[in-house]
Amino acid sequence: MKRHLILSLSLIVASFAVKASPRFTFNTIISGFHQDALTDYTGKYELSRDTNLYVIIKIQDGALVATQSWDKVEKHLDHLNGDNFIIAGQGWSVEFVRGGDKKVAKLIVSAKDVWNKVSK
């Protein structure tokens, strides 16, 4: 009986805490991150083991899109956190790596394929 009372009180307190907390959605958090920060990632990236292959990262409709040089297929990147994204529909991780100057220098796909950013 005592356990049921404590459990009930805990649930009531938790429900009030949830109602009192501010509502944040994924889009609210990302919108503060969006346009200006996304430009850090735009540009051309060449595959380190074969510089004939490259992707172009651009902003399209407020999100990052990668266009592959070999077939012109566009892949949408969904933001996870920090400099980490995921390729929508494929689940491949994309980590943008910054150099000592804090600028994006390369990206790593699925923790193995390294793509170096090419200056324009």
PDB file of N, CA and C in Angstrom:
ATOM      1  N   MET A   1       0.824  -1.183   0.000  1.00  0.00           N
ATOM      2  CA  MET A   1       0.000   0.000   0.000  1.00  0.00           C
ATOM      3  C   MET A   1       0.876   1.257   0.000  1.00  0.00           C
ATOM      4  N   LYS A   2       1.887   1.235   0.860  1.00  0.00           N
ATOM      5  CA  LYS A   2       2.782   2.383   0.969  1.00  0.00           C
ATOM      6  C   LYS A   2       3.528   2.595  -0.354  1.00  0.00           C
ATOM      7  N   ARG A   3       3.943   1.482  -0.996  1.00  0.00           N
ATOM      8  CA  ARG A   3       4.643   1.586  -2.280  1.00  0.00           C
ATOM      9  C   ARG A   3       3.741   2.179  -3.348  1.00  0.00           C
ATOM     10  N   HIS A   4       2.477   1.779  -3.360  1.00  0.00           N
ATOM     11  CA  HIS A   4       1.531   2.294  -4.350  1.00  0.00           C
ATOM     12  C   HIS A   4       1.300   3.788  -4.154  1.00  0.00           C
ATOM     13  N   LEU A   5       1.232   4.225  -2.921  1.00  0.00           N
ATOM     14  CA  LEU A   5       1.045   5.646  -2.622  1.00  0.00           C
ATOM     15  C   LEU A   5       2.256   6.447  -3.078  1.00  0.00           C
ATOM     16  N   ILE A   6       3.443   5.966  -2.801  1.00  0.00           N
ATOM     17  CA  ILE A   6       4.669   6.661  -3.202  1.00  0.00           C
ATOM     18  C   ILE A   6       4.771   6.701  -4.722  1.00  0.00           C
ATOM     19  N   LEU A   7       4.461   5.606  -5.383  1.00  0.00           N
ATOM     20  CA  LEU A   7       4.494   5.553  -6.836  1.00  0.00           C
ATOM     21  C   LEU A   7       3.487   6.534  -7.437  1.00  0.00           C
ATOM     22  N   SER A   8       2.293   6.571  -6.887  1.00  0.00           N
ATOM     23  CA  SER A   8       1.260   7.493  -7.381  1.00  0.00           C
ATOM     24  C   SER A   8       1.700   8.940  -7.219  1.00  0.00           C
ATOM     25  N   LEU A   9       2.241   9.272  -6.054  1.00  0.00           N
ATOM     26  CA  LEU A   9       2.722  10.638  -5.816  1.00  0.00           C
ATOM     27  C   LEU A   9       3.863  10.994  -6.765  1.00  0.00           C
ATOM     28  N   SER A  10       4.747  10.062  -7.014  1.00  0.00           N
ATOM     29  CA  SER A  10       5.863  10.294  -7.939  1.00  0.00           C
ATOM     30  C   SER A  10       5.347  10.587  -9.345  1.00  0.00           C
ATOM     31  N   LEU A  11       4.360   9.836  -9.792  1.00  0.00           N
ATOM     32  CA  LEU A  11       3.787  10.056 -11.119  1.00  0.00           C
ATOM     33  C   LEU A  11       3.093  11.412 -11.214  1.00  0.00           C
ATOM     34  N   ILE A  12       2.411  11.809 -10.169  1.00  0.00           N
ATOM     35  CA  ILE A  12       1.726  13.101 -10.159  1.00  0.00           C
ATOM     36  C   ILE A  12       2.749  14.233 -10.232  1.00  0.00           C
ATOM     37  N   VAL A  13       3.794  14.153  -9.422  1.00  0.00           N
ATOM     38  CA  VAL A  13       4.837  15.184  -9.423  1.00  0.00           C
ATOM     39  C   VAL A  13       5.519  15.240 -10.790  1.00  0.00           C
ATOM     40  N   ALA A  14       5.799  14.082 -11.368  1.00  0.00           N
ATOM     41  CA  ALA A  14       6.442  14.037 -12.679  1.00  0.00           C
ATOM     42  C   ALA A  14       5.559  14.657 -13.754  1.00  0.00           C
ATOM     43  N   SER A  15       4.268  14.413 -13.696  1.00  0.00           N
ATOM     44  CA  SER A  15       3.371  14.984 -14.707  1.00  0.00           C
ATOM     45  C   SER A  15       3.310  16.503 -14.601  1.00  0.00           C
ATOM     46  N   PHE A  16       3.353  17.045 -13.387  1.00  0.00           N
ATOM     47  CA  PHE A  16       3.379  18.497 -13.218  1.00  0.00           C
ATOM     48  C   PHE A  16       4.692  19.067 -13.733  1.00  0.00           C
ATOM     49  N   ALA A  17       5.785  18.375 -13.517  1.00  0.00           N
ATOM     50  CA  ALA A  17       7.092  18.843 -13.989  1.00  0.00           C
ATOM     51  C   ALA A  17       7.133  18.891 -15.513  1.00  0.00           C
ATOM     52  N   VAL A  18       6.559  17.901 -16.165  1.00  0.00           N
ATOM     53  CA  VAL A  18       6.525  17.864 -17.620  1.00  0.00           C
ATOM     54  C   VAL A  18       5.656  18.994 -18.154  1.00  0.00           C
ATOM     55  N   LYS A  19       4.510  19.237 -17.523  1.00  0.00           N
ATOM     56  CA  LYS A  19       3.622  20.311 -17.974  1.00  0.00           C
ATOM     57  C   LYS A  19       4.260  21.674 -17.773  1.00  0.00           C
ATOM     58  N   ALA A  20       5.060  21.834 -16.734  1.00  0.00           N
ATOM     59  CA  ALA A  20       5.676  23.123 -16.429  1.00  0.00           C
ATOM     60  C   ALA A  20       6.910  23.395 -17.281  1.00  0.00           C
ATOM     61  N   SER A  21       7.517  22.357 -17.847  1.00  0.00           N
ATOM     62  CA  SER A  21       8.744  22.558 -18.619  1.00  0.00           C
ATOM     63  C   SER A  21       8.413  23.188 -19.967  1.00  0.00           C
ATOM     64  N   PRO A  22       9.329  24.031 -20.489  1.00  0.00           N
ATOM     65  CA  PRO A  22       9.076  24.659 -21.785  1.00  0.00           C
ATOM     66  C   PRO A  22       9.077  23.616 -22.894  1.00  0.00           C
ATOM     67  N   ARG A  23       8.272  23.853 -23.897  1.00  0.00           N
ATOM     68  CA  ARG A  23       8.160  22.917 -25.013  1.00  0.00           C
ATOM     69  C   ARG A  23       9.193  23.279 -26.075  1.00  0.00           C
ATOM     70  N   PHE A  24      10.085  22.349 -26.357  1.00  0.00           N
ATOM     71  CA  PHE A  24      11.045  22.523 -27.431  1.00  0.00           C
ATOM     72  C   PHE A  24      10.838  21.385 -28.409  1.00  0.00           C
ATOM     73  N   THR A  25      10.792  21.725 -29.671  1.00  0.00           N
ATOM     74  CA  THR A  25      10.726  20.687 -30.685  1.00  0.00           C
ATOM     75  C   THR A  25      12.066  20.629 -31.378  1.00  0.00           C
ATOM     76  N   PHE A  26      12.298  19.576 -32.113  1.00  0.00           N
ATOM     77  CA  PHE A  26      13.538  19.433 -32.856  1.00  0.00           C
ATOM     78  C   PHE A  26      13.726  20.628 -33.783  1.00  0.00           C
ATOM     79  N   ASN A  27      12.653  21.052 -34.452  1.00  0.00           N
ATOM     80  CA  ASN A  27      12.747  22.171 -35.379  1.00  0.00           C
ATOM     81  C   ASN A  27      13.088  23.475 -34.674  1.00  0.00           C
ATOM     82  N   THR A  28      12.600  23.671 -33.462  1.00  0.00           N
ATOM     83  CA  THR A  28      12.914  24.888 -32.719  1.00  0.00           C
ATOM     84  C   THR A  28      14.406  24.956 -32.438  1.00  0.00           C
ATOM     85  N   ILE A  29      14.977  23.855 -32.014  1.00  0.00           N
ATOM     86  CA  ILE A  29      16.401  23.830 -31.703  1.00  0.00           C
ATOM     87  C   ILE A  29      17.219  24.029 -32.971  1.00  0.00           C
ATOM     88  N   ILE A  30      16.851  23.369 -34.045  1.00  0.00           N
ATOM     89  CA  ILE A  30      17.602  23.463 -35.291  1.00  0.00           C
ATOM     90  C   ILE A  30      17.486  24.848 -35.909  1.00  0.00           C
ATOM     91  N   SER A  31      16.337  25.512 -35.789  1.00  0.00           N
ATOM     92  CA  SER A  31      16.165  26.795 -36.457  1.00  0.00           C
ATOM     93  C   SER A  31      17.181  27.821 -35.974  1.00  0.00           C
ATOM     94  N   GLY A  32      17.606  27.759 -34.722  1.00  0.00           N
ATOM     95  CA  GLY A  32      18.636  28.655 -34.230  1.00  0.00           C
ATOM     96  C   GLY A  32      19.994  28.306 -34.816  1.00  0.00           C
ATOM     97  N   PHE A  33      20.172  27.087 -35.239  1.00  0.00           N
ATOM     98  CA  PHE A  33      21.424  26.570 -35.773  1.00  0.00           C
ATOM     99  C   PHE A  33      21.535  26.842 -37.265  1.00  0.00           C
ATOM    100  N   HIS A  34      20.418  26.992 -37.909  1.00  0.00           N
ATOM    101  CA  HIS A  34      20.257  26.841 -39.342  1.00  0.00           C
ATOM    102  C   HIS A  34      21.181  27.604 -40.271  1.00  0.00           C
ATOM    103  N   GLN A  35      20.650  28.525 -41.012  1.00  0.00           N
ATOM    104  CA  GLN A  35      21.278  29.081 -42.196  1.00  0.00           C
ATOM    105  C   GLN A  35      22.750  29.449 -42.051  1.00  0.00           C
ATOM    106  N   ASP A  36      23.085  30.333 -41.117  1.00  0.00           N
ATOM    107  CA  ASP A  36      24.466  30.787 -41.023  1.00  0.00           C
ATOM    108  C   ASP A  36      25.416  29.649 -40.723  1.00  0.00           C
ATOM    109  N   ALA A  37      25.048  28.789 -39.791  1.00  0.00           N
ATOM    110  CA  ALA A  37      25.915  27.671 -39.428  1.00  0.00           C
ATOM    111  C   ALA A  37      26.029  26.664 -40.563  1.00  0.00           C
ATOM    112  N   LEU A  38      24.973  26.471 -41.327  1.00  0.00           N
ATOM    113  CA  LEU A  38      25.016  25.494 -42.413  1.00  0.00           C
ATOM    114  C   LEU A  38      26.001  25.889 -43.504  1.00  0.00           C
ATOM    115  N   THR A  39      26.230  27.171 -43.700  1.00  0.00           N
ATOM    116  CA  THR A  39      27.171  27.602 -44.742  1.00  0.00           C
ATOM    117  C   THR A  39      28.591  27.126 -44.454  1.00  0.00           C
ATOM    118  N   ASP A  40      28.916  26.841 -43.205  1.00  0.00           N
ATOM    119  CA  ASP A  40      30.234  26.287 -42.864  1.00  0.00           C
ATOM    120  C   ASP A  40      30.489  24.972 -43.586  1.00  0.00           C
ATOM    121  N   TYR A  41      29.446  24.223 -43.861  1.00  0.00           N
ATOM    122  CA  TYR A  41      29.579  22.882 -44.429  1.00  0.00           C
ATOM    123  C   TYR A  41      29.535  22.856 -45.953  1.00  0.00           C
ATOM    124  N   THR A  42      29.103  23.936 -46.578  1.00  0.00           N
ATOM    125  CA  THR A  42      28.940  23.936 -48.032  1.00  0.00           C
ATOM    126  C   THR A  42      30.284  23.917 -48.740  1.00  0.00           C
ATOM    127  N   GLY A  43      30.279  23.347 -49.943  1.00  0.00           N
ATOM    128  CA  GLY A  43      31.493  23.309 -50.751  1.00  0.00           C
ATOM    129  C   GLY A  43      31.683  21.973 -51.430  1.00  0.00           C
ATOM    130  N   LYS A  44      32.854  21.821 -52.016  1.00  0.00           N
ATOM    131  CA  LYS A  44      33.211  20.604 -52.756  1.00  0.00           C
ATOM    132  C   LYS A  44      34.150  19.761 -51.891  1.00  0.00           C
ATOM    133  N   TYR A  45      33.869  18.457 -51.826  1.00  0.00           N
ATOM    134  CA  TYR A  45      34.677  17.517 -51.054  1.00  0.00           C
ATOM    135  C   TYR A  45      35.096  16.365 -51.969  1.00  0.00           C
ATOM    136  N   GLU A  46      36.422  16.109 -52.034  1.00  0.00           N
ATOM    137  CA  GLU A  46      36.949  15.020 -52.852  1.00  0.00           C
ATOM    138  C   GLU A  46      37.270  13.817 -51.977  1.00  0.00           C
ATOM    139  N   LEU A  47      36.981  12.626 -52.505  1.00  0.00           N
ATOM    140  CA  LEU A  47      37.303  11.393 -51.802  1.00  0.00           C
ATOM    141  C   LEU A  47      38.820  11.263 -51.720  1.00  0.00           C
ATOM    142  N   SER A  48      39.351  11.022 -50.540  1.00  0.00           N
ATOM    143  CA  SER A  48      40.804  11.009 -50.348  1.00  0.00           C
ATOM    144  C   SER A  48      41.509   9.923 -51.161  1.00  0.00           C
ATOM    145  N   ARG A  49      40.868   8.784 -51.360  1.00  0.00           N
ATOM    146  CA  ARG A  49      41.532   7.695 -52.087  1.00  0.00           C
ATOM    147  C   ARG A  49      41.298   7.746 -53.601  1.00  0.00           C
ATOM    148  N   ASP A  50      40.421   8.644 -54.070  1.00  0.00           N
ATOM    149  CA  ASP A  50      40.156   8.801 -55.502  1.00  0.00           C
ATOM    150  C   ASP A  50      39.596  10.197 -55.743  1.00  0.00           C
ATOM    151  N   THR A  51      40.474  11.150 -56.067  1.00  0.00           N
ATOM    152  CA  THR A  51      40.058  12.553 -56.203  1.00  0.00           C
ATOM    153  C   THR A  51      39.197  12.811 -57.431  1.00  0.00           C
ATOM    154  N   ASN A  52      38.973  11.780 -58.266  1.00  0.00           N
ATOM    155  CA  ASN A  52      38.026  11.928 -59.386  1.00  0.00           C
ATOM    156  C   ASN A  52      36.586  11.900 -58.886  1.00  0.00           C
ATOM    157  N   LEU A  53      36.383  11.380 -57.677  1.00  0.00           N
ATOM    158  CA  LEU A  53      35.043  11.327 -57.084  1.00  0.00           C
ATOM    159  C   LEU A  53      34.893  12.466 -56.095  1.00  0.00           C
ATOM    160  N   TYR A  54      33.797  13.170 -56.209  1.00  0.00           N
ATOM    161  CA  TYR A  54      33.555  14.276 -55.279  1.00  0.00           C
ATOM    162  C   TYR A  54      32.061  14.445 -55.031  1.00  0.00           C
ATOM    163  N   VAL A  55      31.761  15.174 -53.972  1.00  0.00           N
ATOM    164  CA  VAL A  55      30.389  15.572 -53.676  1.00  0.00           C
ATOM    165  C   VAL A  55      30.374  17.086 -53.483  1.00  0.00           C
ATOM    166  N   ILE A  56      29.263  17.669 -53.831  1.00  0.00           N
ATOM    167  CA  ILE A  56      29.039  19.092 -53.606  1.00  0.00           C
ATOM    168  C   ILE A  56      27.979  19.199 -52.519  1.00  0.00           C
ATOM    169  N   ILE A  57      28.304  19.892 -51.440  1.00  0.00           N
ATOM    170  CA  ILE A  57      27.347  20.112 -50.348  1.00  0.00           C
ATOM    171  C   ILE A  57      26.784  21.519 -50.517  1.00  0.00           C
ATOM    172  N   LYS A  58      25.464  21.602 -50.538  1.00  0.00           N
ATOM    173  CA  LYS A  58      24.797  22.909 -50.674  1.00  0.00           C
ATOM    174  C   LYS A  58      23.609  22.959 -49.723  1.00  0.00           C
ATOM    175  N   ILE A  59      23.072  24.163 -49.570  1.00  0.00           N
ATOM    176  CA  ILE A  59      21.867  24.354 -48.763  1.00  0.00           C
ATOM    177  C   ILE A  59      20.683  24.416 -49.716  1.00  0.00           C
ATOM    178  N   GLN A  60      19.696  23.588 -49.431  1.00  0.00           N
ATOM    179  CA  GLN A  60      18.482  23.556 -50.245  1.00  0.00           C
ATOM    180  C   GLN A  60      17.291  23.485 -49.302  1.00  0.00           C
ATOM    181  N   ASP A  61      16.400  24.437 -49.403  1.00  0.00           N
ATOM    182  CA  ASP A  61      15.215  24.490 -48.542  1.00  0.00           C
ATOM    183  C   ASP A  61      15.579  24.434 -47.057  1.00  0.00           C
ATOM    184  N   GLY A  62      16.659  25.108 -46.682  1.00  0.00           N
ATOM    185  CA  GLY A  62      17.051  25.202 -45.283  1.00  0.00           C
ATOM    186  C   GLY A  62      17.744  23.981 -44.717  1.00  0.00           C
ATOM    187  N   ALA A  63      18.178  23.056 -45.590  1.00  0.00           N
ATOM    188  CA  ALA A  63      18.867  21.845 -45.125  1.00  0.00           C
ATOM    189  C   ALA A  63      20.048  21.543 -46.046  1.00  0.00           C
ATOM    190  N   LEU A  64      20.961  20.712 -45.564  1.00  0.00           N
ATOM    191  CA  LEU A  64      22.103  20.329 -46.384  1.00  0.00           C
ATOM    192  C   LEU A  64      21.730  19.208 -47.343  1.00  0.00           C
ATOM    193  N   VAL A  65      22.252  19.335 -48.568  1.00  0.00           N
ATOM    194  CA  VAL A  65      22.055  18.325 -49.597  1.00  0.00           C
ATOM    195  C   VAL A  65      23.411  18.059 -50.245  1.00  0.00           C
ATOM    196  N   ALA A  66      23.752  16.782 -50.407  1.00  0.00           N
ATOM    197  CA  ALA A  66      25.000  16.385 -51.066  1.00  0.00           C
ATOM    198  C   ALA A  66      24.665  15.838 -52.450  1.00  0.00           C
ATOM    199  N   THR A  67      25.327  16.376 -53.485  1.00  0.00           N
ATOM    200  CA  THR A  67      25.143  15.874 -54.845  1.00  0.00           C
ATOM    201  C   THR A  67      26.404  15.113 -55.236  1.00  0.00           C
ATOM    202  N   GLN A  68      26.228  13.856 -55.615  1.00  0.00           N
ATOM    203  CA  GLN A  68      27.332  12.980 -55.980  1.00  0.00           C
ATOM    204  C   GLN A  68      27.781  13.264 -57.411  1.00  0.00           C
ATOM    205  N   SER A  69      29.083  13.351 -57.657  1.00  0.00           N
ATOM    206  CA  SER A  69      29.602  13.670 -58.991  1.00  0.00           C
ATOM    207  C   SER A  69      29.367  12.549 -60.004  1.00  0.00           C
ATOM    208  N   TRP A  70      29.396  11.306 -59.570  1.00  0.00           N
ATOM    209  CA  TRP A  70      29.349  10.178 -60.499  1.00  0.00           C
ATOM    210  C   TRP A  70      27.962   9.871 -61.026  1.00  0.00           C
ATOM    211  N   ASP A  71      26.904  10.250 -60.314  1.00  0.00           N
ATOM    212  CA  ASP A  71      25.559   9.948 -60.817  1.00  0.00           C
ATOM    213  C   ASP A  71      24.559  11.087 -60.611  1.00  0.00           C
ATOM    214  N   LYS A  72      25.031  12.181 -60.053  1.00  0.00           N
ATOM    215  CA  LYS A  72      24.218  13.391 -59.811  1.00  0.00           C
ATOM    216  C   LYS A  72      23.043  13.167 -58.856  1.00  0.00           C
ATOM    217  N   VAL A  73      23.066  12.065 -58.105  1.00  0.00           N
ATOM    218  CA  VAL A  73      22.020  11.791 -57.123  1.00  0.00           C
ATOM    219  C   VAL A  73      22.209  12.719 -55.926  1.00  0.00           C
ATOM    220  N   GLU A  74      21.102  13.266 -55.445  1.00  0.00           N
ATOM    221  CA  GLU A  74      21.133  14.136 -54.273  1.00  0.00           C
ATOM    222  C   GLU A  74      20.771  13.355 -53.024  1.00  0.00           C
ATOM    223  N   LYS A  75      21.545  13.549 -51.982  1.00  0.00           N
ATOM    224  CA  LYS A  75      21.309  12.911 -50.685  1.00  0.00           C
ATOM    225  C   LYS A  75      21.070  14.014 -49.664  1.00  0.00           C
ATOM    226  N   HIS A  76      19.982  13.925 -48.932  1.00  0.00           N
ATOM    227  CA  HIS A  76      19.661  14.906 -47.901  1.00  0.00           C
ATOM    228  C   HIS A  76      20.328  14.509 -46.590  1.00  0.00           C
ATOM    229  N   LEU A  77      20.893  15.505 -45.906  1.00  0.00           N
ATOM    230  CA  LEU A  77      21.560  15.257 -44.630  1.00  0.00           C
ATOM    231  C   LEU A  77      20.719  15.834 -43.499  1.00  0.00           C
ATOM    232  N   ASP A  78      20.392  15.003 -42.542  1.00  0.00           N
ATOM    233  CA  ASP A  78      19.637  15.433 -41.365  1.00  0.00           C
ATOM    234  C   ASP A  78      20.610  15.691 -40.226  1.00  0.00           C
ATOM    235  N   HIS A  79      20.438  16.822 -39.561  1.00  0.00           N
ATOM    236  CA  HIS A  79      21.332  17.191 -38.457  1.00  0.00           C
ATOM    237  C   HIS A  79      21.035  16.361 -37.216  1.00  0.00           C
ATOM    238  N   LEU A  80      22.084  15.847 -36.597  1.00  0.00           N
ATOM    239  CA  LEU A  80      21.948  15.118 -35.337  1.00  0.00           C
ATOM    240  C   LEU A  80      22.347  16.018 -34.168  1.00  0.00           C
ATOM    241  N   ASN A  81      23.620  16.428 -34.154  1.00  0.00           N
ATOM    242  CA  ASN A  81      24.143  17.325 -33.119  1.00  0.00           C
ATOM    243  C   ASN A  81      25.510  17.820 -33.551  1.00  0.00           C
ATOM    244  N   GLY A  82      25.893  18.978 -33.069  1.00  0.00           N
ATOM    245  CA  GLY A  82      27.211  19.522 -33.410  1.00  0.00           C
ATOM    246  C   GLY A  82      27.482  19.460 -34.897  1.00  0.00           C
ATOM    247  N   ASP A  83      28.589  18.832 -35.272  1.00  0.00           N
ATOM    248  CA  ASP A  83      28.978  18.677 -36.673  1.00  0.00           C
ATOM    249  C   ASP A  83      28.593  17.314 -37.231  1.00  0.00           C
ATOM    250  N   ASN A  84      27.622  16.674 -36.625  1.00  0.00           N
ATOM    251  CA  ASN A  84      27.204  15.318 -37.008  1.00  0.00           C
ATOM    252  C   ASN A  84      25.847  15.322 -37.691  1.00  0.00           C
ATOM    253  N   PHE A  85      25.808  14.629 -38.821  1.00  0.00           N
ATOM    254  CA  PHE A  85      24.593  14.512 -39.620  1.00  0.00           C
ATOM    255  C   PHE A  85      24.397  13.040 -39.959  1.00  0.00           C
ATOM    256  N   ILE A  86      23.269  12.753 -40.583  1.00  0.00           N
ATOM    257  CA  ILE A  86      22.996  11.395 -41.064  1.00  0.00           C
ATOM    258  C   ILE A  86      22.352  11.530 -42.439  1.00  0.00           C
ATOM    259  N   ILE A  87      22.706  10.624 -43.341  1.00  0.00           N
ATOM    260  CA  ILE A  87      22.128  10.655 -44.681  1.00  0.00           C
ATOM    261  C   ILE A  87      20.723  10.070 -44.592  1.00  0.00           C
ATOM    262  N   ALA A  88      19.749  10.906 -44.895  1.00  0.00           N
ATOM    263  CA  ALA A  88      18.340  10.516 -44.786  1.00  0.00           C
ATOM    264  C   ALA A  88      18.059   9.308 -45.664  1.00  0.00           C
ATOM    265  N   GLY A  89      17.347   8.347 -45.095  1.00  0.00           N
ATOM    266  CA  GLY A  89      16.941   7.161 -45.828  1.00  0.00           C
ATOM    267  C   GLY A  89      17.988   6.068 -45.918  1.00  0.00           C
ATOM    268  N   GLN A  90      19.246   6.398 -45.588  1.00  0.00           N
ATOM    269  CA  GLN A  90      20.300   5.392 -45.657  1.00  0.00           C
ATOM    270  C   GLN A  90      20.919   5.108 -44.301  1.00  0.00           C
ATOM    271  N   GLY A  91      20.838   6.067 -43.397  1.00  0.00           N
ATOM    272  CA  GLY A  91      21.363   5.863 -42.064  1.00  0.00           C
ATOM    273  C   GLY A  91      22.875   5.950 -41.958  1.00  0.00           C
ATOM    274  N   TRP A  92      23.550   6.453 -42.990  1.00  0.00           N
ATOM    275  CA  TRP A  92      25.000   6.598 -42.939  1.00  0.00           C
ATOM    276  C   TRP A  92      25.350   7.859 -42.160  1.00  0.00           C
ATOM    277  N   SER A  93      26.294   7.745 -41.250  1.00  0.00           N
ATOM    278  CA  SER A  93      26.716   8.910 -40.474  1.00  0.00           C
ATOM    279  C   SER A  93      27.632   9.793 -41.313  1.00  0.00           C
ATOM    280  N   VAL A  94      27.533  11.095 -41.084  1.00  0.00           N
ATOM    281  CA  VAL A  94      28.408  12.074 -41.730  1.00  0.00           C
ATOM    282  C   VAL A  94      28.929  12.988 -40.631  1.00  0.00           C
ATOM    283  N   GLU A  95      30.247  12.961 -40.443  1.00  0.00           N
ATOM    284  CA  GLU A  95      30.869  13.821 -39.446  1.00  0.00           C
ATOM    285  C   GLU A  95      31.747  14.834 -40.164  1.00  0.00           C
ATOM    286  N   PHE A  96      31.445  16.109 -39.964  1.00  0.00           N
ATOM    287  CA  PHE A  96      32.291  17.164 -40.507  1.00  0.00           C
ATOM    288  C   PHE A  96      33.387  17.437 -39.491  1.00  0.00           C
ATOM    289  N   VAL A  97      34.626  17.500 -39.970  1.00  0.00           N
ATOM    290  CA  VAL A  97      35.776  17.688 -39.095  1.00  0.00           C
ATOM    291  C   VAL A  97      36.379  19.061 -39.363  1.00  0.00           C
ATOM    292  N   ARG A  98      36.611  19.797 -38.283  1.00  0.00           N
ATOM    293  CA  ARG A  98      37.172  21.145 -38.393  1.00  0.00           C
ATOM    294  C   ARG A  98      38.685  21.114 -38.163  1.00  0.00           C
ATOM    295  N   GLY A  99      39.372  22.023 -38.829  1.00  0.00           N
ATOM    296  CA  GLY A  99      40.809  22.153 -38.648  1.00  0.00           C
ATOM    297  C   GLY A  99      41.116  23.069 -37.475  1.00  0.00           C
ATOM    298  N   GLY A 100      42.387  23.365 -37.282  1.00  0.00           N
ATOM    299  CA  GLY A 100      42.823  24.238 -36.194  1.00  0.00           C
ATOM    300  C   GLY A 100      42.242  25.644 -36.278  1.00  0.00           C
ATOM    301  N   ASP A 101      41.864  26.065 -37.485  1.00  0.00           N
ATOM    302  CA  ASP A 101      41.273  27.395 -37.681  1.00  0.00           C
ATOM    303  C   ASP A 101      39.757  27.403 -37.454  1.00  0.00           C
ATOM    304  N   LYS A 102      39.218  26.264 -37.011  1.00  0.00           N
ATOM    305  CA  LYS A 102      37.782  26.090 -36.715  1.00  0.00           C
ATOM    306  C   LYS A 102      36.911  26.032 -37.967  1.00  0.00           C
ATOM    307  N   LYS A 103      37.523  25.979 -39.147  1.00  0.00           N
ATOM    308  CA  LYS A 103      36.768  25.842 -40.390  1.00  0.00           C
ATOM    309  C   LYS A 103      36.670  24.366 -40.754  1.00  0.00           C
ATOM    310  N   VAL A 104      35.582  24.003 -41.426  1.00  0.00           N
ATOM    311  CA  VAL A 104      35.389  22.615 -41.840  1.00  0.00           C
ATOM    312  C   VAL A 104      36.460  22.261 -42.869  1.00  0.00           C
ATOM    313  N   ALA A 105      37.203  21.181 -42.615  1.00  0.00           N
ATOM    314  CA  ALA A 105      38.301  20.758 -43.480  1.00  0.00           C
ATOM    315  C   ALA A 105      37.993  19.468 -44.233  1.00  0.00           C
ATOM    316  N   LYS A 106      37.142  18.624 -43.659  1.00  0.00           N
ATOM    317  CA  LYS A 106      36.822  17.355 -44.305  1.00  0.00           C
ATOM    318  C   LYS A 106      35.541  16.788 -43.724  1.00  0.00           C
ATOM    319  N   LEU A 107      35.056  15.753 -44.364  1.00  0.00           N
ATOM    320  CA  LEU A 107      33.922  15.013 -43.813  1.00  0.00           C
ATOM    321  C   LEU A 107      34.244  13.534 -43.857  1.00  0.00           C
ATOM    322  N   ILE A 108      33.690  12.813 -42.914  1.00  0.00           N
ATOM    323  CA  ILE A 108      33.908  11.371 -42.824  1.00  0.00           C
ATOM    324  C   ILE A 108      32.538  10.696 -42.875  1.00  0.00           C
ATOM    325  N   VAL A 109      32.381   9.785 -43.823  1.00  0.00           N
ATOM    326  CA  VAL A 109      31.114   9.068 -43.994  1.00  0.00           C
ATOM    327  C   VAL A 109      31.259   7.664 -43.406  1.00  0.00           C
ATOM    328  N   SER A 110      30.313   7.303 -42.573  1.00  0.00           N
ATOM    329  CA  SER A 110      30.268   5.977 -41.943  1.00  0.00           C
ATOM    330  C   SER A 110      31.586   5.605 -41.269  1.00  0.00           C
ATOM    331  N   ALA A 111      32.243   6.587 -40.682  1.00  0.00           N
ATOM    332  CA  ALA A 111      33.482   6.405 -39.911  1.00  0.00           C
ATOM    333  C   ALA A 111      34.627   5.795 -40.708  1.00  0.00           C
ATOM    334  N   LYS A 112      34.548   5.844 -42.066  1.00  0.00           N
ATOM    335  CA  LYS A 112      35.647   5.247 -42.837  1.00  0.00           C
ATOM    336  C   LYS A 112      36.036   6.029 -44.079  1.00  0.00           C
ATOM    337  N   ASP A 113      35.088   6.563 -44.832  1.00  0.00           N
ATOM    338  CA  ASP A 113      35.416   7.278 -46.067  1.00  0.00           C
ATOM    339  C   ASP A 113      35.698   8.743 -45.770  1.00  0.00           C
ATOM    340  N   VAL A 114      36.921   9.177 -46.066  1.00  0.00           N
ATOM    341  CA  VAL A 114      37.339  10.546 -45.790  1.00  0.00           C
ATOM    342  C   VAL A 114      37.255  11.362 -47.078  1.00  0.00           C
ATOM    343  N   TRP A 115      36.566  12.481 -46.987  1.00  0.00           N
ATOM    344  CA  TRP A 115      36.394  13.408 -48.106  1.00  0.00           C
ATOM    345  C   TRP A 115      36.981  14.746 -47.686  1.00  0.00           C
ATOM    346  N   ASN A 116      38.003  15.228 -48.411  1.00  0.00           N
ATOM    347  CA  ASN A 116      38.680  16.485 -48.079  1.00  0.00           C
ATOM    348  C   ASN A 116      38.008  17.649 -48.780  1.00  0.00           C
ATOM    349  N   LYS A 117      37.823  18.729 -48.047  1.00  0.00           N
ATOM    350  CA  LYS A 117      37.206  19.930 -48.615  1.00  0.00           C
ATOM    351  C   LYS A 117      38.212  20.604 -49.532  1.00  0.00           C
ATOM    352  N   VAL A 118      37.734  20.949 -50.715  1.00  0.00           N
ATOM    353  CA  VAL A 118      38.577  21.598 -51.729  1.00  0.00           C
ATOM    354  C   VAL A 118      38.257  23.086 -51.719  1.00  0.00           C
ATOM    355  N   SER A 119      39.309  23.913 -51.638  1.00  0.00           N
ATOM    356  CA  SER A 119      39.036  25.352 -51.667  1.00  0.00           C
ATOM    357  C   SER A 119      38.598  25.758 -53.065  1.00  0.00           C
ATOM    358  N   LYS A 120      37.738  26.753 -53.090  1.00  0.00           N
ATOM    359  CA  LYS A 120      37.115  27.180 -54.368  1.00  0.00           C
ATOM    360  C   LYS A 120      38.054  27.945 -55.234  1.00  0.00           C
TER     361      LYS A 120
END
